[in-house]
């Protein structure tokens, strides 16, 4: 009789994490080329906010109980909205090309659904 193989969820299996992680690297590669003042003001805040999305998903993933996990996933929502704000400011201040702005915007707008799916999955699949 064959044993049933249990598949464990890995961090890189999580769509929201993959999107946020790739986006944080994309933004960092843009901001690193900015002049000192915009890099040290908007750039620093923007990269911190977008880095926080994937970091909070990762931290929640590493937590033991469902309530703790979901708390970190919800924090990532706040960071996502903050990132949208920094994206708008960077556009208005002409720090991003239209293509860069649009790419960032489209990727950020994928995250609410992906994070909500992660929260629902956690609520439905975990017992603790």
Protein backbone atom coordinates (compact mmCIF):
# COMPACT_ATOMS: atom_id res chain seq x y z
CA UNK A 1 0.00 0.00 0.00
CA UNK A 2 1.46 3.36 -1.02
CA UNK A 3 1.89 6.02 1.61
CA UNK A 4 0.04 9.26 1.10
CA UNK A 5 2.55 12.02 0.45
CA UNK A 6 1.82 15.21 2.39
CA UNK A 7 2.69 18.42 0.54
CA UNK A 8 3.71 21.24 2.80
CA UNK A 9 3.14 24.82 1.73
CA UNK A 10 6.38 26.73 1.18
CA UNK A 11 6.79 30.49 1.31
CA UNK A 12 7.51 30.66 -2.44
CA UNK A 13 4.22 28.84 -3.10
CA UNK A 14 2.35 31.93 -1.89
CA UNK A 15 1.32 34.16 -4.79
CA UNK A 16 1.16 37.34 -2.67
CA UNK A 17 4.70 36.74 -1.43
CA UNK A 18 6.08 36.14 -4.94
CA UNK A 19 4.44 39.30 -6.32
CA UNK A 20 5.57 41.47 -3.40
CA UNK A 21 9.11 40.07 -3.36
CA UNK A 22 9.62 40.67 -7.10
CA UNK A 23 8.12 44.14 -6.85
CA UNK A 24 10.36 45.13 -3.95
CA UNK A 25 13.44 44.23 -5.99
CA UNK A 26 12.07 46.05 -9.05
CA UNK A 27 11.52 49.24 -7.04
CA UNK A 28 14.90 49.00 -5.31
CA UNK A 29 16.63 48.78 -8.70
CA UNK A 30 14.88 51.99 -9.76
CA UNK A 31 15.39 53.97 -6.54
CA UNK A 32 19.09 53.12 -6.29
CA UNK A 33 19.69 55.25 -9.42
CA UNK A 34 17.96 58.36 -8.08
CA UNK A 35 19.85 61.45 -6.91
CA UNK A 36 20.59 61.79 -3.20
CA UNK A 37 17.61 63.92 -2.10
CA UNK A 38 14.78 61.90 -3.72
CA UNK A 39 16.57 58.65 -2.81
CA UNK A 40 16.87 59.66 0.85
CA UNK A 41 13.29 60.94 1.13
CA UNK A 42 10.75 59.23 -1.13
CA UNK A 43 13.08 56.42 -2.17
CA UNK A 44 13.81 55.28 1.36
CA UNK A 45 10.15 55.36 2.39
CA UNK A 46 9.01 53.68 -0.84
CA UNK A 47 11.47 50.81 -0.57
CA UNK A 48 10.73 50.35 3.15
CA UNK A 49 6.99 50.18 2.46
CA UNK A 50 7.23 47.75 -0.44
CA UNK A 51 9.82 45.61 1.37
CA UNK A 52 7.42 45.45 4.30
CA UNK A 53 4.74 43.74 2.20
CA UNK A 54 6.73 40.58 1.51
CA UNK A 55 8.47 40.74 4.91
CA UNK A 56 5.16 40.71 6.78
CA UNK A 57 3.85 37.86 4.64
CA UNK A 58 7.05 35.93 5.41
CA UNK A 59 6.80 36.69 9.12
CA UNK A 60 3.15 35.63 9.21
CA UNK A 61 4.02 32.45 7.34
CA UNK A 62 6.55 31.62 10.05
CA UNK A 63 4.11 32.11 12.93
CA UNK A 64 2.50 29.12 14.59
CA UNK A 65 -1.14 29.99 15.09
CA UNK A 66 -3.72 31.22 12.62
CA UNK A 67 -4.58 34.44 14.47
CA UNK A 68 -0.92 35.50 14.58
CA UNK A 69 -0.40 34.61 10.90
CA UNK A 70 -3.43 36.61 9.80
CA UNK A 71 -2.36 39.63 11.86
CA UNK A 72 0.88 39.87 9.84
CA UNK A 73 -0.94 39.28 6.55
CA UNK A 74 -3.23 42.20 7.40
CA UNK A 75 -0.24 44.41 8.23
CA UNK A 76 1.01 43.70 4.70
CA UNK A 77 -2.21 45.32 3.42
CA UNK A 78 -1.25 48.60 5.10
CA UNK A 79 2.19 48.47 3.54
CA UNK A 80 0.61 47.81 0.14
CA UNK A 81 -1.56 50.93 0.43
CA UNK A 82 1.43 52.95 1.63
CA UNK A 83 3.35 51.74 -1.43
CA UNK A 84 0.51 52.92 -3.68
CA UNK A 85 0.85 56.37 -2.10
CA UNK A 86 4.63 56.48 -2.65
CA UNK A 87 4.13 55.33 -6.24
CA UNK A 88 1.77 58.27 -6.85
CA UNK A 89 4.19 60.74 -5.25
CA UNK A 90 7.11 59.40 -7.29
CA UNK A 91 5.04 59.81 -10.47
CA UNK A 92 3.94 63.38 -9.64
CA UNK A 93 7.53 64.33 -8.81
CA UNK A 94 8.70 62.83 -12.12
CA UNK A 95 10.93 60.20 -10.54
CA UNK A 96 9.35 57.30 -12.42
CA UNK A 97 8.80 56.76 -16.12
CA UNK A 98 5.24 56.02 -17.21
CA UNK A 99 6.21 52.38 -17.80
CA UNK A 100 7.76 52.06 -14.32
CA UNK A 101 4.77 53.69 -12.66
CA UNK A 102 2.29 51.51 -14.56
CA UNK A 103 4.20 48.29 -13.82
CA UNK A 104 4.34 49.09 -10.10
CA UNK A 105 0.66 50.09 -10.02
CA UNK A 106 -0.50 46.92 -11.80
CA UNK A 107 1.56 44.68 -9.49
CA UNK A 108 0.36 46.46 -6.34
CA UNK A 109 -3.27 46.14 -7.47
CA UNK A 110 -2.85 42.33 -7.69
CA UNK A 111 -2.01 42.14 -4.00
CA UNK A 112 -5.37 42.73 -2.25
CA UNK A 113 -6.90 39.66 -3.92
CA UNK A 114 -3.76 37.59 -3.36
CA UNK A 115 -3.48 38.58 0.32
CA UNK A 116 -7.21 37.99 0.88
CA UNK A 117 -6.82 34.53 -0.67
CA UNK A 118 -3.96 33.83 1.72
CA UNK A 119 -6.04 34.98 4.70
CA UNK A 120 -9.00 32.83 3.60
CA UNK A 121 -6.75 29.83 3.02
CA UNK A 122 -5.23 30.27 6.48
CA UNK A 123 -8.67 30.63 8.08
CA UNK A 124 -10.07 27.57 6.34
CA UNK A 125 -7.13 25.17 6.41
CA UNK A 126 -5.51 25.76 9.80
CA UNK A 127 -7.07 24.45 12.97
CA UNK A 128 -4.95 26.34 15.47
